[in-house]
Amino acid sequence: MVEKVANINRIRVEKSEALVAKGEDALDRYEFDYLLICNKICGKS
């Protein structure tokens, strides 16, 4: 999980550089959490 989180944050850093260059906010750092998600396509959100 440490390796996965580090990889996700590396990707976020790369994308944040492009966002900052456009004058937009950088992405927050990712921290692992267990999640309950919906696994049926239930609408637009």
ModelCIF file with pLDDT and N, C-alpha, C, O atoms, coordinates in Angstrom:
data_MODEL
#
_entry.id   MODEL 
#
_entity.id                         1 
_entity.type                       polymer 
_entity.pdbx_number_of_molecules   1 
#
_entity_poly.entity_id                      1 
_entity_poly.type                           'polypeptide(L)' 
_entity_poly.nstd_linkage                   no 
_entity_poly.nstd_monomer                   no 
_entity_poly.pdbx_seq_one_letter_code       MVEKVANINRIRVEKSEALVAKGEDALDRYEFDYLLICNKICGKS 
_entity_poly.pdbx_seq_one_letter_code_can   MVEKVANINRIRVEKSEALVAKGEDALDRYEFDYLLICNKICGKS 
_entity_poly.pdbx_strand_id                 A 
#
loop_
_entity_poly_seq.entity_id 
_entity_poly_seq.num 
_entity_poly_seq.mon_id 
_entity_poly_seq.hetero 
1 1  MET n 
1 2  VAL n 
1 3  GLU n 
1 4  LYS n 
1 5  VAL n 
1 6  ALA n 
1 7  ASN n 
1 8  ILE n 
1 9  ASN n 
1 10 ARG n 
1 11 ILE n 
1 12 ARG n 
1 13 VAL n 
1 14 GLU n 
1 15 LYS n 
1 16 SER n 
1 17 GLU n 
1 18 ALA n 
1 19 LEU n 
1 20 VAL n 
1 21 ALA n 
1 22 LYS n 
1 23 GLY n 
1 24 GLU n 
1 25 ASP n 
1 26 ALA n 
1 27 LEU n 
1 28 ASP n 
1 29 ARG n 
1 30 TYR n 
1 31 GLU n 
1 32 PHE n 
1 33 ASP n 
1 34 TYR n 
1 35 LEU n 
1 36 LEU n 
1 37 ILE n 
1 38 CYS n 
1 39 ASN n 
1 40 LYS n 
1 41 ILE n 
1 42 CYS n 
1 43 GLY n 
1 44 LYS n 
1 45 SER n 
#
_struct_asym.id          A 
_struct_asym.entity_id   1 
#
loop_
_ma_qa_metric.id 
_ma_qa_metric.mode 
_ma_qa_metric.name 
_ma_qa_metric.software_group_id 
_ma_qa_metric.type 
1 global pLDDT . pLDDT 
2 local  pLDDT . pLDDT 
#
_ma_qa_metric_global.metric_id      1 
_ma_qa_metric_global.metric_value   88.98 
_ma_qa_metric_global.model_id       1 
_ma_qa_metric_global.ordinal_id     1 
#
loop_
_ma_qa_metric_local.label_asym_id 
_ma_qa_metric_local.label_comp_id 
_ma_qa_metric_local.label_seq_id 
_ma_qa_metric_local.metric_id 
_ma_qa_metric_local.metric_value 
_ma_qa_metric_local.model_id 
_ma_qa_metric_local.ordinal_id 
A MET 1  2 89.00 1 1  
A VAL 2  2 91.00 1 2  
A GLU 3  2 88.00 1 3  
A LYS 4  2 88.00 1 4  
A VAL 5  2 91.00 1 5  
A ALA 6  2 92.00 1 6  
A ASN 7  2 90.00 1 7  
A ILE 8  2 91.00 1 8  
A ASN 9  2 92.00 1 9  
A ARG 10 2 92.00 1 10 
A ILE 11 2 92.00 1 11 
A ARG 12 2 91.00 1 12 
A VAL 13 2 90.00 1 13 
A GLU 14 2 89.00 1 14 
A LYS 15 2 90.00 1 15 
A SER 16 2 89.00 1 16 
A GLU 17 2 87.00 1 17 
A ALA 18 2 86.00 1 18 
A LEU 19 2 84.00 1 19 
A VAL 20 2 85.00 1 20 
A ALA 21 2 84.00 1 21 
A LYS 22 2 83.00 1 22 
A GLY 23 2 83.00 1 23 
A GLU 24 2 84.00 1 24 
A ASP 25 2 84.00 1 25 
A ALA 26 2 85.00 1 26 
A LEU 27 2 87.00 1 27 
A ASP 28 2 88.00 1 28 
A ARG 29 2 90.00 1 29 
A TYR 30 2 90.00 1 30 
A GLU 31 2 91.00 1 31 
A PHE 32 2 91.00 1 32 
A ASP 33 2 92.00 1 33 
A TYR 34 2 93.00 1 34 
A LEU 35 2 93.00 1 35 
A LEU 36 2 94.00 1 36 
A ILE 37 2 93.00 1 37 
A CYS 38 2 93.00 1 38 
A ASN 39 2 90.00 1 39 
A LYS 40 2 90.00 1 40 
A ILE 41 2 90.00 1 41 
A CYS 42 2 86.00 1 42 
A GLY 43 2 86.00 1 43 
A LYS 44 2 88.00 1 44 
A SER 45 2 89.00 1 45 
#
loop_
_atom_site.group_PDB 
_atom_site.id 
_atom_site.type_symbol 
_atom_site.label_atom_id 
_atom_site.label_alt_id 
_atom_site.label_comp_id 
_atom_site.label_asym_id 
_atom_site.label_entity_id 
_atom_site.label_seq_id 
_atom_site.pdbx_PDB_ins_code 
_atom_site.Cartn_x 
_atom_site.Cartn_y 
_atom_site.Cartn_z 
_atom_site.occupancy 
_atom_site.B_iso_or_equiv 
_atom_site.pdbx_formal_charge 
_atom_site.auth_seq_id 
_atom_site.auth_comp_id 
_atom_site.auth_asym_id 
_atom_site.auth_atom_id 
_atom_site.pdbx_PDB_model_num 
ATOM 1   N N  . MET A 1 1  ? 0.829   -1.203 0.000   1.00 89.00 ? 1  MET A N  1 
ATOM 2   C CA . MET A 1 1  ? 0.000   0.000  0.000   1.00 89.00 ? 1  MET A CA 1 
ATOM 3   C C  . MET A 1 1  ? 0.865   1.255  0.000   1.00 89.00 ? 1  MET A C  1 
ATOM 4   O O  . MET A 1 1  ? 0.518   2.250  -0.637  1.00 89.00 ? 1  MET A O  1 
ATOM 5   N N  . VAL A 1 2  ? 1.987   1.213  0.710   1.00 91.00 ? 2  VAL A N  1 
ATOM 6   C CA . VAL A 1 2  ? 2.913   2.352  0.712   1.00 91.00 ? 2  VAL A CA 1 
ATOM 7   C C  . VAL A 1 2  ? 3.396   2.633  -0.703  1.00 91.00 ? 2  VAL A C  1 
ATOM 8   O O  . VAL A 1 2  ? 3.471   3.787  -1.125  1.00 91.00 ? 2  VAL A O  1 
ATOM 9   N N  . GLU A 1 3  ? 3.723   1.569  -1.431  1.00 88.00 ? 3  GLU A N  1 
ATOM 10  C CA . GLU A 1 3  ? 4.194   1.731  -2.812  1.00 88.00 ? 3  GLU A CA 1 
ATOM 11  C C  . GLU A 1 3  ? 3.098   2.288  -3.714  1.00 88.00 ? 3  GLU A C  1 
ATOM 12  O O  . GLU A 1 3  ? 3.356   3.158  -4.546  1.00 88.00 ? 3  GLU A O  1 
ATOM 13  N N  . LYS A 1 4  ? 1.869   1.785  -3.547  1.00 88.00 ? 4  LYS A N  1 
ATOM 14  C CA . LYS A 1 4  ? 0.757   2.266  -4.369  1.00 88.00 ? 4  LYS A CA 1 
ATOM 15  C C  . LYS A 1 4  ? 0.469   3.734  -4.095  1.00 88.00 ? 4  LYS A C  1 
ATOM 16  O O  . LYS A 1 4  ? 0.259   4.515  -5.023  1.00 88.00 ? 4  LYS A O  1 
ATOM 17  N N  . VAL A 1 5  ? 0.458   4.107  -2.825  1.00 91.00 ? 5  VAL A N  1 
ATOM 18  C CA . VAL A 1 5  ? 0.180   5.492  -2.462  1.00 91.00 ? 5  VAL A CA 1 
ATOM 19  C C  . VAL A 1 5  ? 1.268   6.414  -3.015  1.00 91.00 ? 5  VAL A C  1 
ATOM 20  O O  . VAL A 1 5  ? 0.980   7.501  -3.517  1.00 91.00 ? 5  VAL A O  1 
ATOM 21  N N  . ALA A 1 6  ? 2.523   5.964  -2.916  1.00 92.00 ? 6  ALA A N  1 
ATOM 22  C CA . ALA A 1 6  ? 3.627   6.761  -3.446  1.00 92.00 ? 6  ALA A CA 1 
ATOM 23  C C  . ALA A 1 6  ? 3.496   6.957  -4.953  1.00 92.00 ? 6  ALA A C  1 
ATOM 24  O O  . ALA A 1 6  ? 3.759   8.043  -5.469  1.00 92.00 ? 6  ALA A O  1 
ATOM 25  N N  . ASN A 1 7  ? 3.092   5.911  -5.647  1.00 90.00 ? 7  ASN A N  1 
ATOM 26  C CA . ASN A 1 7  ? 2.915   6.005  -7.101  1.00 90.00 ? 7  ASN A CA 1 
ATOM 27  C C  . ASN A 1 7  ? 1.786   6.964  -7.460  1.00 90.00 ? 7  ASN A C  1 
ATOM 28  O O  . ASN A 1 7  ? 1.911   7.765  -8.387  1.00 90.00 ? 7  ASN A O  1 
ATOM 29  N N  . ILE A 1 8  ? 0.664   6.877  -6.707  1.00 91.00 ? 8  ILE A N  1 
ATOM 30  C CA . ILE A 1 8  ? -0.457  7.788  -6.953  1.00 91.00 ? 8  ILE A CA 1 
ATOM 31  C C  . ILE A 1 8  ? -0.021  9.240  -6.729  1.00 91.00 ? 8  ILE A C  1 
ATOM 32  O O  . ILE A 1 8  ? -0.376  10.126 -7.506  1.00 91.00 ? 8  ILE A O  1 
ATOM 33  N N  . ASN A 1 9  ? 0.746   9.474  -5.666  1.00 92.00 ? 9  ASN A N  1 
ATOM 34  C CA . ASN A 1 9  ? 1.187   10.842 -5.384  1.00 92.00 ? 9  ASN A CA 1 
ATOM 35  C C  . ASN A 1 9  ? 2.192   11.356 -6.410  1.00 92.00 ? 9  ASN A C  1 
ATOM 36  O O  . ASN A 1 9  ? 2.242   12.554 -6.689  1.00 92.00 ? 9  ASN A O  1 
ATOM 37  N N  . ARG A 1 10 ? 2.996   10.443 -6.973  1.00 92.00 ? 10 ARG A N  1 
ATOM 38  C CA . ARG A 1 10 ? 3.896   10.867 -8.059  1.00 92.00 ? 10 ARG A CA 1 
ATOM 39  C C  . ARG A 1 10 ? 3.092   11.343 -9.266  1.00 92.00 ? 10 ARG A C  1 
ATOM 40  O O  . ARG A 1 10 ? 3.425   12.351 -9.890  1.00 92.00 ? 10 ARG A O  1 
ATOM 41  N N  . ILE A 1 11 ? 2.045   10.614 -9.582  1.00 92.00 ? 11 ILE A N  1 
ATOM 42  C CA . ILE A 1 11 ? 1.178   11.007 -10.702 1.00 92.00 ? 11 ILE A CA 1 
ATOM 43  C C  . ILE A 1 11 ? 0.505   12.338 -10.405 1.00 92.00 ? 11 ILE A C  1 
ATOM 44  O O  . ILE A 1 11 ? 0.387   13.191 -11.285 1.00 92.00 ? 11 ILE A O  1 
ATOM 45  N N  . ARG A 1 12 ? 0.061   12.514 -9.154  1.00 91.00 ? 12 ARG A N  1 
ATOM 46  C CA . ARG A 1 12 ? -0.611  13.768 -8.775  1.00 91.00 ? 12 ARG A CA 1 
ATOM 47  C C  . ARG A 1 12 ? 0.335   14.962 -8.847  1.00 91.00 ? 12 ARG A C  1 
ATOM 48  O O  . ARG A 1 12 ? -0.061  16.064 -9.229  1.00 91.00 ? 12 ARG A O  1 
ATOM 49  N N  . VAL A 1 13 ? 1.588   14.726 -8.475  1.00 90.00 ? 13 VAL A N  1 
ATOM 50  C CA . VAL A 1 13 ? 2.574   15.808 -8.555  1.00 90.00 ? 13 VAL A CA 1 
ATOM 51  C C  . VAL A 1 13 ? 2.776   16.234 -10.005 1.00 90.00 ? 13 VAL A C  1 
ATOM 52  O O  . VAL A 1 13 ? 2.840   17.425 -10.308 1.00 90.00 ? 13 VAL A O  1 
ATOM 53  N N  . GLU A 1 14 ? 2.877   15.245 -10.903 1.00 89.00 ? 14 GLU A N  1 
ATOM 54  C CA . GLU A 1 14 ? 3.059   15.550 -12.321 1.00 89.00 ? 14 GLU A CA 1 
ATOM 55  C C  . GLU A 1 14 ? 1.864   16.322 -12.880 1.00 89.00 ? 14 GLU A C  1 
ATOM 56  O O  . GLU A 1 14 ? 2.034   17.285 -13.627 1.00 89.00 ? 14 GLU A O  1 
ATOM 57  N N  . LYS A 1 15 ? 0.654   15.894 -12.514 1.00 90.00 ? 15 LYS A N  1 
ATOM 58  C CA . LYS A 1 15 ? -0.535  16.585 -12.998 1.00 90.00 ? 15 LYS A CA 1 
ATOM 59  C C  . LYS A 1 15 ? -0.677  17.965 -12.361 1.00 90.00 ? 15 LYS A C  1 
ATOM 60  O O  . LYS A 1 15 ? -1.181  18.898 -12.985 1.00 90.00 ? 15 LYS A O  1 
ATOM 61  N N  . SER A 1 16 ? -0.226  18.083 -11.106 1.00 89.00 ? 16 SER A N  1 
ATOM 62  C CA . SER A 1 16 ? -0.316  19.370 -10.417 1.00 89.00 ? 16 SER A CA 1 
ATOM 63  C C  . SER A 1 16 ? 0.560   20.418 -11.085 1.00 89.00 ? 16 SER A C  1 
ATOM 64  O O  . SER A 1 16 ? 0.194   21.592 -11.145 1.00 89.00 ? 16 SER A O  1 
ATOM 65  N N  . GLU A 1 17 ? 1.709   20.001 -11.584 1.00 87.00 ? 17 GLU A N  1 
ATOM 66  C CA . GLU A 1 17 ? 2.594   20.943 -12.277 1.00 87.00 ? 17 GLU A CA 1 
ATOM 67  C C  . GLU A 1 17 ? 1.893   21.554 -13.482 1.00 87.00 ? 17 GLU A C  1 
ATOM 68  O O  . GLU A 1 17 ? 2.002   22.755 -13.731 1.00 87.00 ? 17 GLU A O  1 
ATOM 69  N N  . ALA A 1 18 ? 1.171   20.719 -14.229 1.00 86.00 ? 18 ALA A N  1 
ATOM 70  C CA . ALA A 1 18 ? 0.440   21.230 -15.389 1.00 86.00 ? 18 ALA A CA 1 
ATOM 71  C C  . ALA A 1 18 ? -0.705  22.137 -14.958 1.00 86.00 ? 18 ALA A C  1 
ATOM 72  O O  . ALA A 1 18 ? -0.980  23.145 -15.609 1.00 86.00 ? 18 ALA A O  1 
ATOM 73  N N  . LEU A 1 19 ? -1.380  21.779 -13.852 1.00 84.00 ? 19 LEU A N  1 
ATOM 74  C CA . LEU A 1 19 ? -2.479  22.604 -13.364 1.00 84.00 ? 19 LEU A CA 1 
ATOM 75  C C  . LEU A 1 19 ? -1.998  23.958 -12.868 1.00 84.00 ? 19 LEU A C  1 
ATOM 76  O O  . LEU A 1 19 ? -2.613  24.985 -13.156 1.00 84.00 ? 19 LEU A O  1 
ATOM 77  N N  . VAL A 1 20 ? -0.898  23.959 -12.124 1.00 85.00 ? 20 VAL A N  1 
ATOM 78  C CA . VAL A 1 20 ? -0.338  25.210 -11.602 1.00 85.00 ? 20 VAL A CA 1 
ATOM 79  C C  . VAL A 1 20 ? 0.092   26.113 -12.742 1.00 85.00 ? 20 VAL A C  1 
ATOM 80  O O  . VAL A 1 20 ? -0.068  27.332 -12.678 1.00 85.00 ? 20 VAL A O  1 
ATOM 81  N N  . ALA A 1 21 ? 0.646   25.502 -13.796 1.00 84.00 ? 21 ALA A N  1 
ATOM 82  C CA . ALA A 1 21 ? 1.072   26.286 -14.957 1.00 84.00 ? 21 ALA A CA 1 
ATOM 83  C C  . ALA A 1 21 ? -0.113  26.989 -15.621 1.00 84.00 ? 21 ALA A C  1 
ATOM 84  O O  . ALA A 1 21 ? 0.047   28.035 -16.250 1.00 84.00 ? 21 ALA A O  1 
ATOM 85  N N  . LYS A 1 22 ? -1.308  26.398 -15.471 1.00 83.00 ? 22 LYS A N  1 
ATOM 86  C CA . LYS A 1 22 ? -2.517  27.012 -16.029 1.00 83.00 ? 22 LYS A CA 1 
ATOM 87  C C  . LYS A 1 22 ? -3.169  27.982 -15.050 1.00 83.00 ? 22 LYS A C  1 
ATOM 88  O O  . LYS A 1 22 ? -4.194  28.591 -15.357 1.00 83.00 ? 22 LYS A O  1 
ATOM 89  N N  . GLY A 1 23 ? -2.563  28.121 -13.859 1.00 83.00 ? 23 GLY A N  1 
ATOM 90  C CA . GLY A 1 23 ? -3.137  28.997 -12.851 1.00 83.00 ? 23 GLY A CA 1 
ATOM 91  C C  . GLY A 1 23 ? -4.189  28.335 -11.985 1.00 83.00 ? 23 GLY A C  1 
ATOM 92  O O  . GLY A 1 23 ? -4.916  29.023 -11.268 1.00 83.00 ? 23 GLY A O  1 
ATOM 93  N N  . GLU A 1 24 ? -4.287  27.015 -12.035 1.00 84.00 ? 24 GLU A N  1 
ATOM 94  C CA . GLU A 1 24 ? -5.265  26.284 -11.239 1.00 84.00 ? 24 GLU A CA 1 
ATOM 95  C C  . GLU A 1 24 ? -4.615  25.715 -9.982  1.00 84.00 ? 24 GLU A C  1 
ATOM 96  O O  . GLU A 1 24 ? -3.390  25.707 -9.858  1.00 84.00 ? 24 GLU A O  1 
ATOM 97  N N  . ASP A 1 25 ? -5.442  25.237 -9.047  1.00 84.00 ? 25 ASP A N  1 
ATOM 98  C CA . ASP A 1 25 ? -4.932  24.690 -7.794  1.00 84.00 ? 25 ASP A CA 1 
ATOM 99  C C  . ASP A 1 25 ? -4.316  23.317 -8.007  1.00 84.00 ? 25 ASP A C  1 
ATOM 100 O O  . ASP A 1 25 ? -4.762  22.538 -8.849  1.00 84.00 ? 25 ASP A O  1 
ATOM 101 N N  . ALA A 1 26 ? -3.276  23.039 -7.220  1.00 85.00 ? 26 ALA A N  1 
ATOM 102 C CA . ALA A 1 26 ? -2.627  21.727 -7.296  1.00 85.00 ? 26 ALA A CA 1 
ATOM 103 C C  . ALA A 1 26 ? -3.500  20.682 -6.614  1.00 85.00 ? 26 ALA A C  1 
ATOM 104 O O  . ALA A 1 26 ? -4.332  21.008 -5.767  1.00 85.00 ? 26 ALA A O  1 
ATOM 105 N N  . LEU A 1 27 ? -3.304  19.428 -6.992  1.00 87.00 ? 27 LEU A N  1 
ATOM 106 C CA . LEU A 1 27 ? -4.052  18.328 -6.387  1.00 87.00 ? 27 LEU A CA 1 
ATOM 107 C C  . LEU A 1 27 ? -3.533  18.039 -4.983  1.00 87.00 ? 27 LEU A C  1 
ATOM 108 O O  . LEU A 1 27 ? -2.335  18.152 -4.723  1.00 87.00 ? 27 LEU A O  1 
ATOM 109 N N  . ASP A 1 28 ? -4.443  17.662 -4.073  1.00 88.00 ? 28 ASP A N  1 
ATOM 110 C CA . ASP A 1 28 ? -4.041  17.292 -2.716  1.00 88.00 ? 28 ASP A CA 1 
ATOM 111 C C  . ASP A 1 28 ? -3.313  15.954 -2.739  1.00 88.00 ? 28 ASP A C  1 
ATOM 112 O O  . ASP A 1 28 ? -3.526  15.133 -3.631  1.00 88.00 ? 28 ASP A O  1 
ATOM 113 N N  . ARG A 1 29 ? -2.459  15.747 -1.753  1.00 90.00 ? 29 ARG A N  1 
ATOM 114 C CA . ARG A 1 29 ? -1.785  14.462 -1.627  1.00 90.00 ? 29 ARG A CA 1 
ATOM 115 C C  . ARG A 1 29 ? -2.796  13.394 -1.228  1.00 90.00 ? 29 ARG A C  1 
ATOM 116 O O  . ARG A 1 29 ? -3.723  13.654 -0.461  1.00 90.00 ? 29 ARG A O  1 
ATOM 117 N N  . TYR A 1 30 ? -2.605  12.203 -1.754  1.00 90.00 ? 30 TYR A N  1 
ATOM 118 C CA . TYR A 1 30 ? -3.521  11.100 -1.487  1.00 90.00 ? 30 TYR A CA 1 
ATOM 119 C C  . TYR A 1 30 ? -3.074  10.333 -0.254  1.00 90.00 ? 30 TYR A C  1 
ATOM 120 O O  . TYR A 1 30 ? -1.886  10.063 -0.071  1.00 90.00 ? 30 TYR A O  1 
ATOM 121 N N  . GLU A 1 31 ? -4.045  9.982  0.595   1.00 91.00 ? 31 GLU A N  1 
ATOM 122 C CA . GLU A 1 31 ? -3.786  9.121  1.730   1.00 91.00 ? 31 GLU A CA 1 
ATOM 123 C C  . GLU A 1 31 ? -4.790  7.975  1.688   1.00 91.00 ? 31 GLU A C  1 
ATOM 124 O O  . GLU A 1 31 ? -5.978  8.203  1.460   1.00 91.00 ? 31 GLU A O  1 
ATOM 125 N N  . PHE A 1 32 ? -4.328  6.755  1.905   1.00 91.00 ? 32 PHE A N  1 
ATOM 126 C CA . PHE A 1 32 ? -5.210  5.599  1.797   1.00 91.00 ? 32 PHE A CA 1 
ATOM 127 C C  . PHE A 1 32 ? -6.298  5.615  2.862   1.00 91.00 ? 32 PHE A C  1 
ATOM 128 O O  . PHE A 1 32 ? -6.050  5.914  4.030   1.00 91.00 ? 32 PHE A O  1 
ATOM 129 N N  . ASP A 1 33 ? -7.507  5.286  2.428   1.00 92.00 ? 33 ASP A N  1 
ATOM 130 C CA . ASP A 1 33 ? -8.631  5.058  3.327   1.00 92.00 ? 33 ASP A CA 1 
ATOM 131 C C  . ASP A 1 33 ? -9.462  3.913  2.754   1.00 92.00 ? 33 ASP A C  1 
ATOM 132 O O  . ASP A 1 33 ? -9.587  3.775  1.537   1.00 92.00 ? 33 ASP A O  1 
ATOM 133 N N  . TYR A 1 34 ? -10.024 3.098  3.635   1.00 93.00 ? 34 TYR A N  1 
ATOM 134 C CA . TYR A 1 34 ? -11.032 2.146  3.186   1.00 93.00 ? 34 TYR A CA 1 
ATOM 135 C C  . TYR A 1 34 ? -12.234 2.947  2.716   1.00 93.00 ? 34 TYR A C  1 
ATOM 136 O O  . TYR A 1 34 ? -12.525 4.018  3.248   1.00 93.00 ? 34 TYR A O  1 
ATOM 137 N N  . LEU A 1 35 ? -12.931 2.420  1.712   1.00 93.00 ? 35 LEU A N  1 
ATOM 138 C CA . LEU A 1 35 ? -14.083 3.128  1.172   1.00 93.00 ? 35 LEU A CA 1 
ATOM 139 C C  . LEU A 1 35 ? -15.278 2.197  0.976   1.00 93.00 ? 35 LEU A C  1 
ATOM 140 O O  . LEU A 1 35 ? -15.125 1.019  0.651   1.00 93.00 ? 35 LEU A O  1 
ATOM 141 N N  . LEU A 1 36 ? -16.453 2.749  1.179   1.00 94.00 ? 36 LEU A N  1 
ATOM 142 C CA . LEU A 1 36 ? -17.705 2.130  0.755   1.00 94.00 ? 36 LEU A CA 1 
ATOM 143 C C  . LEU A 1 36 ? -18.116 2.874  -0.503  1.00 94.00 ? 36 LEU A C  1 
ATOM 144 O O  . LEU A 1 36 ? -18.307 4.089  -0.474  1.00 94.00 ? 36 LEU A O  1 
ATOM 145 N N  . ILE A 1 37 ? -18.255 2.150  -1.608  1.00 93.00 ? 37 ILE A N  1 
ATOM 146 C CA . ILE A 1 37 ? -18.609 2.784  -2.872  1.00 93.00 ? 37 ILE A CA 1 
ATOM 147 C C  . ILE A 1 37 ? -19.824 2.091  -3.472  1.00 93.00 ? 37 ILE A C  1 
ATOM 148 O O  . ILE A 1 37 ? -20.169 0.972  -3.092  1.00 93.00 ? 37 ILE A O  1 
ATOM 149 N N  . CYS A 1 38 ? -20.459 2.766  -4.408  1.00 93.00 ? 38 CYS A N  1 
ATOM 150 C CA . CYS A 1 38 ? -21.587 2.178  -5.118  1.00 93.00 ? 38 CYS A CA 1 
ATOM 151 C C  . CYS A 1 38 ? -21.066 1.488  -6.369  1.00 93.00 ? 38 CYS A C  1 
ATOM 152 O O  . CYS A 1 38 ? -20.336 2.084  -7.162  1.00 93.00 ? 38 CYS A O  1 
ATOM 153 N N  . ASN A 1 39 ? -21.447 0.220  -6.541  1.00 90.00 ? 39 ASN A N  1 
ATOM 154 C CA . ASN A 1 39 ? -20.955 -0.556 -7.676  1.00 90.00 ? 39 ASN A CA 1 
ATOM 155 C C  . ASN A 1 39 ? -22.051 -0.810 -8.716  1.00 90.00 ? 39 ASN A C  1 
ATOM 156 O O  . ASN A 1 39 ? -21.955 -1.737 -9.520  1.00 90.00 ? 39 ASN A O  1 
ATOM 157 N N  . LYS A 1 40 ? -23.084 0.020  -8.685  1.00 90.00 ? 40 LYS A N  1 
ATOM 158 C CA . LYS A 1 40 ? -24.113 0.017  -9.724  1.00 90.00 ? 40 LYS A CA 1 
ATOM 159 C C  . LYS A 1 40 ? -24.186 1.430  -10.311 1.00 90.00 ? 40 LYS A C  1 
ATOM 160 O O  . LYS A 1 40 ? -24.147 2.420  -9.580  1.00 90.00 ? 40 LYS A O  1 
ATOM 161 N N  . ILE A 1 41 ? -24.291 1.507  -11.631 1.00 90.00 ? 41 ILE A N  1 
ATOM 162 C CA . ILE A 1 41 ? -24.388 2.822  -12.259 1.00 90.00 ? 41 ILE A CA 1 
ATOM 163 C C  . ILE A 1 41 ? -25.777 3.375  -11.958 1.00 90.00 ? 41 ILE A C  1 
ATOM 164 O O  . ILE A 1 41 ? -26.762 2.996  -12.591 1.00 90.00 ? 41 ILE A O  1 
ATOM 165 N N  . CYS A 1 42 ? -25.837 4.278  -10.981 1.00 86.00 ? 42 CYS A N  1 
ATOM 166 C CA . CYS A 1 42 ? -27.116 4.718  -10.433 1.00 86.00 ? 42 CYS A CA 1 
ATOM 167 C C  . CYS A 1 42 ? -27.485 6.138  -10.833 1.00 86.00 ? 42 CYS A C  1 
ATOM 168 O O  . CYS A 1 42 ? -28.471 6.678  -10.332 1.00 86.00 ? 42 CYS A O  1 
ATOM 169 N N  . GLY A 1 43 ? -26.715 6.754  -11.725 1.00 86.00 ? 43 GLY A N  1 
ATOM 170 C CA . GLY A 1 43 ? -27.035 8.115  -12.138 1.00 86.00 ? 43 GLY A CA 1 
ATOM 171 C C  . GLY A 1 43 ? -25.788 8.895  -12.484 1.00 86.00 ? 43 GLY A C  1 
ATOM 172 O O  . GLY A 1 43 ? -24.683 8.352  -12.490 1.00 86.00 ? 43 GLY A O  1 
ATOM 173 N N  . LYS A 1 44 ? -25.969 10.173 -12.773 1.00 88.00 ? 44 LYS A N  1 
ATOM 174 C CA . LYS A 1 44 ? -24.879 10.988 -13.299 1.00 88.00 ? 44 LYS A CA 1 
ATOM 175 C C  . LYS A 1 44 ? -23.758 11.227 -12.284 1.00 88.00 ? 44 LYS A C  1 
ATOM 176 O O  . LYS A 1 44 ? -22.621 11.480 -12.682 1.00 88.00 ? 44 LYS A O  1 
ATOM 177 N N  . SER A 1 45 ? -24.054 11.152 -10.986 1.00 89.00 ? 45 SER A N  1 
ATOM 178 C CA . SER A 1 45 ? -23.013 11.353 -9.969  1.00 89.00 ? 45 SER A CA 1 
ATOM 179 C C  . SER A 1 45 ? -22.628 10.042 -9.283  1.00 89.00 ? 45 SER A C  1 
ATOM 180 O O  . SER A 1 45 ? -21.767 10.034 -8.404  1.00 89.00 ? 45 SER A O  1 
#
